[in-house]
N, C-alpha and C. Protein backbone atom coordinates (compact mmCIF):
# COMPACT_ATOMS: atom_id res chain seq x y z
N MET A 1 84.35 114.09 88.28
CA MET A 1 83.99 114.71 90.03
C MET A 1 83.78 115.75 90.00
N ALA A 2 82.80 116.41 90.41
CA ALA A 2 82.18 117.55 90.48
C ALA A 2 82.75 118.56 91.30
N ARG A 3 83.47 118.44 92.19
CA ARG A 3 84.17 119.43 93.54
C ARG A 3 85.10 119.11 93.58
N ASN A 4 86.06 119.80 94.46
CA ASN A 4 87.37 119.84 94.48
C ASN A 4 87.42 118.94 95.81
N PHE A 5 88.83 118.14 96.33
CA PHE A 5 88.78 117.49 97.23
C PHE A 5 88.92 118.53 98.84
N THR A 6 88.23 118.03 99.90
CA THR A 6 88.25 119.15 100.75
C THR A 6 88.93 117.75 102.12
N ASP A 7 89.27 118.76 102.99
CA ASP A 7 89.86 118.17 104.48
C ASP A 7 89.19 116.88 104.74
N ASP A 8 87.66 116.52 104.29
CA ASP A 8 86.61 115.70 104.80
C ASP A 8 87.29 114.18 104.22
N ASP A 9 88.02 114.80 103.33
CA ASP A 9 88.31 113.47 102.19
C ASP A 9 89.85 112.72 102.96
N ARG A 10 90.31 113.29 103.76
CA ARG A 10 91.19 112.73 104.05
C ARG A 10 91.53 111.66 105.28
N ASP A 11 92.06 110.29 104.74
CA ASP A 11 92.03 109.20 105.48
C ASP A 11 90.97 108.36 104.95
N LYS A 12 90.36 108.69 103.74
CA LYS A 12 89.68 107.64 102.93
C LYS A 12 90.51 106.86 102.12
N HIS A 13 89.98 105.53 101.96
CA HIS A 13 90.84 104.62 100.79
C HIS A 13 90.34 105.11 99.74
N VAL A 14 91.59 104.84 98.18
CA VAL A 14 91.29 105.23 97.42
C VAL A 14 91.16 103.83 96.67
N VAL A 15 90.31 103.51 95.89
CA VAL A 15 89.70 102.56 95.30
C VAL A 15 89.79 102.42 93.56
N THR A 16 90.05 101.36 92.67
CA THR A 16 89.98 101.10 91.53
C THR A 16 88.55 101.40 91.35
N SER A 17 88.22 101.40 90.08
CA SER A 17 86.86 101.64 89.45
C SER A 17 86.16 100.29 90.34
N GLU A 18 86.87 98.85 90.18
CA GLU A 18 86.77 97.51 90.28
C GLU A 18 86.75 97.37 91.82
N GLY A 19 87.04 98.25 92.56
CA GLY A 19 86.87 98.27 93.82
C GLY A 19 88.10 97.87 95.02
N THR A 20 89.60 97.64 94.09
CA THR A 20 90.50 97.45 94.46
C THR A 20 91.13 98.26 95.08
N ARG A 21 91.15 98.12 96.43
CA ARG A 21 92.09 99.48 97.15
C ARG A 21 93.97 99.49 96.64
N ILE A 22 94.09 100.81 96.48
CA ILE A 22 95.09 101.26 96.54
C ILE A 22 96.10 102.06 97.25
N GLY A 23 95.29 102.49 98.24
CA GLY A 23 96.02 103.34 98.83
C GLY A 23 95.11 104.21 99.94
N THR A 24 95.22 105.51 100.58
CA THR A 24 94.64 106.33 101.39
C THR A 24 94.64 107.40 100.99
N ILE A 25 94.12 108.38 101.26
CA ILE A 25 94.25 109.63 101.34
C ILE A 25 94.96 110.62 102.32
N ARG A 26 96.06 111.30 102.35
CA ARG A 26 96.84 111.46 103.03
C ARG A 26 96.89 113.50 103.26
N ASP A 27 96.34 113.74 102.24
CA ASP A 27 96.39 115.32 102.26
C ASP A 27 95.58 115.54 100.75
N VAL A 28 95.39 116.82 101.11
CA VAL A 28 94.21 117.32 100.09
C VAL A 28 94.67 118.82 99.98
N ASN A 29 94.62 119.34 98.46
CA ASN A 29 94.55 120.68 97.92
C ASN A 29 94.01 121.16 96.75
N ASP A 30 92.91 121.24 97.21
CA ASP A 30 91.93 121.73 95.79
C ASP A 30 91.61 120.53 95.01
N ASP A 31 91.95 120.58 93.68
CA ASP A 31 92.08 119.30 93.05
C ASP A 31 92.92 118.22 93.01
N ARG A 32 93.60 118.38 94.01
CA ARG A 32 95.21 117.35 93.97
C ARG A 32 94.50 116.88 95.18
N ALA A 33 94.93 115.35 95.56
CA ALA A 33 95.06 114.70 96.72
C ALA A 33 96.35 113.30 96.91
N THR A 34 97.09 114.06 97.91
CA THR A 34 97.59 113.09 97.97
C THR A 34 97.80 111.42 98.57
N VAL A 35 97.84 110.96 97.62
CA VAL A 35 97.56 109.32 98.16
C VAL A 35 98.89 108.48 98.56
N GLU A 36 98.71 107.53 99.90
CA GLU A 36 100.17 107.14 100.73
C GLU A 36 99.40 105.73 99.94
N ARG A 37 100.39 104.86 99.13
CA ARG A 37 99.85 103.45 98.71
C ARG A 37 100.05 102.80 99.64
N SER A 38 98.89 101.79 99.77
CA SER A 38 98.63 100.48 100.49
C SER A 38 100.22 99.90 100.45
N ASP A 39 100.27 98.97 101.38
CA ASP A 39 101.42 98.04 101.50
C ASP A 39 101.29 97.00 100.73
N ASP A 40 99.86 96.48 100.59
CA ASP A 40 99.50 95.68 99.30
C ASP A 40 99.80 96.32 98.07
N ASP A 41 100.52 96.23 96.94
CA ASP A 41 100.42 97.15 95.92
C ASP A 41 99.97 96.02 94.93
N GLU A 42 99.47 94.88 94.78
CA GLU A 42 98.90 94.19 93.89
C GLU A 42 97.86 95.05 93.12
N GLY A 43 97.14 95.66 93.70
CA GLY A 43 96.09 96.39 92.95
C GLY A 43 96.56 97.28 91.68
N LEU A 44 97.54 97.63 91.86
CA LEU A 44 98.06 99.14 91.95
C LEU A 44 98.57 98.63 90.43
N THR A 45 98.14 98.11 89.57
CA THR A 45 98.50 97.57 88.21
C THR A 45 99.24 98.78 87.36
N ASP A 46 100.01 98.65 86.52
CA ASP A 46 100.72 99.24 85.43
C ASP A 46 99.61 100.18 84.52
N LYS A 47 98.60 99.58 84.24
CA LYS A 47 97.51 100.33 83.68
C LYS A 47 97.14 101.79 84.93
N VAL A 48 96.91 100.94 85.75
CA VAL A 48 96.42 102.01 86.84
C VAL A 48 97.56 103.14 87.17
N LYS A 49 98.85 102.86 86.96
CA LYS A 49 99.62 103.63 87.40
C LYS A 49 100.27 104.64 86.09
N ASP A 50 100.00 104.22 85.27
CA ASP A 50 100.34 104.70 84.20
C ASP A 50 99.18 106.12 84.04
N MET A 51 97.95 105.54 83.97
CA MET A 51 96.74 106.46 84.01
C MET A 51 96.85 107.63 84.44
N LEU A 52 97.54 107.42 86.40
CA LEU A 52 97.61 108.31 87.16
C LEU A 52 98.82 109.25 87.03
N GLY A 53 99.78 108.61 85.97
CA GLY A 53 101.20 109.32 86.17
C GLY A 53 101.69 109.09 87.45
N TRP A 54 101.73 108.05 87.98
CA TRP A 54 102.84 107.50 89.18
C TRP A 54 103.74 106.78 88.58
N ASP A 55 104.81 107.04 89.52
CA ASP A 55 106.12 106.34 89.47
C ASP A 55 106.43 104.93 90.39
N ASP A 56 107.25 104.97 91.29
CA ASP A 56 107.85 103.99 92.06
C ASP A 56 107.84 104.99 93.32
N ASP A 57 107.45 105.95 93.70
CA ASP A 57 107.12 106.33 95.14
C ASP A 57 106.48 106.15 95.75
N ASP A 58 106.43 106.46 97.19
CA ASP A 58 105.61 105.60 97.99
C ASP A 58 104.02 106.50 98.07
N SER A 59 104.19 107.56 97.65
CA SER A 59 102.76 108.42 97.54
C SER A 59 102.71 109.49 96.73
N ASN A 60 101.84 109.58 96.23
CA ASN A 60 101.34 110.01 94.78
C ASN A 60 100.09 110.62 94.90
N GLU A 61 99.98 111.45 93.55
CA GLU A 61 98.73 112.46 93.48
C GLU A 61 97.89 111.85 92.71
N ILE A 62 96.24 112.04 93.05
CA ILE A 62 95.39 111.95 92.32
C ILE A 62 94.54 113.46 91.74
N ARG A 63 94.55 113.46 90.46
CA ARG A 63 93.11 114.93 90.48
C ARG A 63 91.67 114.54 90.22
N ASP A 64 90.93 115.62 90.91
CA ASP A 64 89.59 115.35 90.48
C ASP A 64 89.39 114.76 89.36
N GLU A 65 90.00 115.01 88.31
CA GLU A 65 89.43 114.19 87.08
C GLU A 65 89.70 112.84 86.76
N HIS A 66 90.63 112.07 87.74
CA HIS A 66 90.48 110.84 88.00
C HIS A 66 89.30 109.98 88.77
N VAL A 67 88.60 110.78 89.59
CA VAL A 67 87.59 110.37 90.41
C VAL A 67 86.11 110.35 89.76
N ASP A 68 85.90 109.01 90.07
CA ASP A 68 84.36 108.68 89.34
C ASP A 68 83.37 109.44 90.84
N SER A 69 83.89 108.92 91.74
CA SER A 69 82.73 109.14 93.05
C SER A 69 83.22 109.53 94.34
N VAL A 70 82.84 109.68 95.63
CA VAL A 70 83.27 109.64 96.54
C VAL A 70 81.98 109.68 97.64
N ASN A 71 82.08 108.67 98.42
CA ASN A 71 81.58 108.69 99.69
C ASN A 71 82.29 108.51 101.15
N ASP A 72 81.60 108.48 102.15
CA ASP A 72 82.12 108.49 103.53
C ASP A 72 83.09 107.68 103.45
N ASP A 73 83.48 106.54 102.77
CA ASP A 73 84.42 106.00 103.06
C ASP A 73 85.85 105.83 102.20
N GLU A 74 85.28 106.22 100.93
CA GLU A 74 86.15 105.85 100.10
C GLU A 74 85.89 106.85 98.87
N VAL A 75 87.32 107.05 98.10
CA VAL A 75 87.25 107.88 96.69
C VAL A 75 87.24 106.65 95.46
N ARG A 76 86.50 106.49 94.74
CA ARG A 76 86.56 105.50 93.96
C ARG A 76 86.89 106.11 92.39
N LEU A 77 88.21 105.65 91.68
CA LEU A 77 88.30 106.11 90.69
C LEU A 77 87.58 105.62 89.19
N ARG A 78 87.72 106.35 88.46
CA ARG A 78 87.28 106.27 87.00
C ARG A 78 87.43 105.04 86.50
N ASP A 79 86.76 104.60 85.67
CA ASP A 79 87.30 103.52 84.86
C ASP A 79 87.87 104.01 83.35
N ARG A 80 88.94 103.74 83.16
CA ARG A 80 89.84 104.59 81.86
C ARG A 80 89.91 103.34 80.88
N ARG A 81 88.86 102.71 81.13
CA ARG A 81 89.18 101.45 80.07
C ARG A 81 89.10 102.20 78.31
């Protein structure tokens, strides 16, 4: 991603590269965004958790380096295969 997170990114859905929703951005701070996980954690595989450095907390951070693209509604993560 070529830019820092902005206030406009708040409340956007965070999705995997395949389009599975894993949470919503609740707060932003330059190159980091705090994500509140969705109630349905099925899309949040161990592989995605490991890539993001997440444990079992309810909210976690993503960094701009994890992001492939941002549009009006969502933040899409990079494919890390």
